[in-house]
Amino acid sequence: MNDQSLVKTSSVVDKNVQMVRHEQKSVPTWFLVIFLILALFVLKSFIYIKDGSRHGK
């Protein structure tokens, strides 16, 4: 069996591809991850009920 027969090449070409405009806002992925983690802790602090009678239930 020939090794070249097992190799598959795929490419997607679209003539309507456009470059990202610079006036659009973009942020790095790490900034979004940190922001979402901070938002999770803020929301959790609002939801958490500090009540001694409910502790452990």
C-alpha atoms as a PDB file:
ATOM      1  CA  MET A   1       0.000   0.000   0.000  1.00  0.00           C
ATOM      2  CA  ASN A   2       1.325   3.417  -0.920  1.00  0.00           C
ATOM      3  CA  ASP A   3       1.768   6.005   1.892  1.00  0.00           C
ATOM      4  CA  GLN A   4       0.605   8.820  -0.357  1.00  0.00           C
ATOM      5  CA  SER A   5      -2.771   7.168  -0.819  1.00  0.00           C
ATOM      6  CA  LEU A   6      -3.468   7.613   2.919  1.00  0.00           C
ATOM      7  CA  VAL A   7      -2.736  11.347   2.964  1.00  0.00           C
ATOM      8  CA  LYS A   8      -5.807  13.533   2.553  1.00  0.00           C
ATOM      9  CA  THR A   9      -5.569  17.196   1.727  1.00  0.00           C
ATOM     10  CA  SER A  10      -8.439  19.503   2.471  1.00  0.00           C
ATOM     11  CA  SER A  11      -8.758  23.205   1.918  1.00  0.00           C
ATOM     12  CA  VAL A  12     -11.655  25.577   2.225  1.00  0.00           C
ATOM     13  CA  VAL A  13     -11.485  28.541  -0.074  1.00  0.00           C
ATOM     14  CA  ASP A  14     -14.044  31.308  -0.066  1.00  0.00           C
ATOM     15  CA  LYS A  15     -13.738  34.328  -2.283  1.00  0.00           C
ATOM     16  CA  ASN A  16     -15.902  36.387   0.121  1.00  0.00           C
ATOM     17  CA  VAL A  17     -13.367  36.390   2.995  1.00  0.00           C
ATOM     18  CA  GLN A  18     -12.944  39.838   4.532  1.00  0.00           C
ATOM     19  CA  MET A  19     -10.239  41.141   6.828  1.00  0.00           C
ATOM     20  CA  VAL A  20     -11.190  42.277  10.320  1.00  0.00           C
ATOM     21  CA  ARG A  21     -11.819  45.992  10.424  1.00  0.00           C
ATOM     22  CA  HIS A  22      -9.680  47.885  12.917  1.00  0.00           C
ATOM     23  CA  GLU A  23     -12.623  49.881  14.260  1.00  0.00           C
ATOM     24  CA  GLN A  24     -14.087  46.663  15.702  1.00  0.00           C
ATOM     25  CA  LYS A  25     -13.137  46.059  19.320  1.00  0.00           C
ATOM     26  CA  SER A  26     -11.120  42.973  20.099  1.00  0.00           C
ATOM     27  CA  VAL A  27      -9.558  41.705  23.317  1.00  0.00           C
ATOM     28  CA  PRO A  28      -7.155  38.868  23.991  1.00  0.00           C
ATOM     29  CA  THR A  29      -8.593  35.557  25.132  1.00  0.00           C
ATOM     30  CA  TRP A  30      -6.731  35.639  28.467  1.00  0.00           C
ATOM     31  CA  PHE A  31      -8.443  38.938  29.349  1.00  0.00           C
ATOM     32  CA  LEU A  32     -11.867  37.409  28.717  1.00  0.00           C
ATOM     33  CA  VAL A  33     -11.048  34.369  30.866  1.00  0.00           C
ATOM     34  CA  ILE A  34      -9.901  36.533  33.785  1.00  0.00           C
ATOM     35  CA  PHE A  35     -12.947  38.801  33.423  1.00  0.00           C
ATOM     36  CA  LEU A  36     -15.351  35.850  33.431  1.00  0.00           C
ATOM     37  CA  ILE A  37     -13.713  34.312  36.510  1.00  0.00           C
ATOM     38  CA  LEU A  38     -13.956  37.636  38.372  1.00  0.00           C
ATOM     39  CA  ALA A  39     -17.588  38.017  37.310  1.00  0.00           C
ATOM     40  CA  LEU A  40     -18.284  34.505  38.620  1.00  0.00           C
ATOM     41  CA  PHE A  41     -16.918  35.404  42.070  1.00  0.00           C
ATOM     42  CA  VAL A  42     -18.863  38.678  42.167  1.00  0.00           C
ATOM     43  CA  LEU A  43     -22.124  36.927  41.275  1.00  0.00           C
ATOM     44  CA  LYS A  44     -21.396  34.142  43.770  1.00  0.00           C
ATOM     45  CA  SER A  45     -20.888  36.708  46.528  1.00  0.00           C
ATOM     46  CA  PHE A  46     -24.364  38.142  45.833  1.00  0.00           C
ATOM     47  CA  ILE A  47     -26.044  34.744  45.745  1.00  0.00           C
ATOM     48  CA  TYR A  48     -24.361  33.221  48.817  1.00  0.00           C
ATOM     49  CA  ILE A  49     -26.476  33.504  51.988  1.00  0.00           C
ATOM     50  CA  LYS A  50     -24.495  33.851  55.210  1.00  0.00           C
ATOM     51  CA  ASP A  51     -26.810  32.213  57.712  1.00  0.00           C
ATOM     52  CA  GLY A  52     -25.549  30.083  60.603  1.00  0.00           C
ATOM     53  CA  SER A  53     -28.773  28.073  60.824  1.00  0.00           C
ATOM     54  CA  ARG A  54     -28.380  26.948  57.200  1.00  0.00           C
ATOM     55  CA  HIS A  55     -24.726  25.980  57.508  1.00  0.00           C
ATOM     56  CA  GLY A  56     -24.183  22.349  56.513  1.00  0.00           C
ATOM     57  CA  LYS A  57     -27.702  21.781  55.215  1.00  0.00           C
END
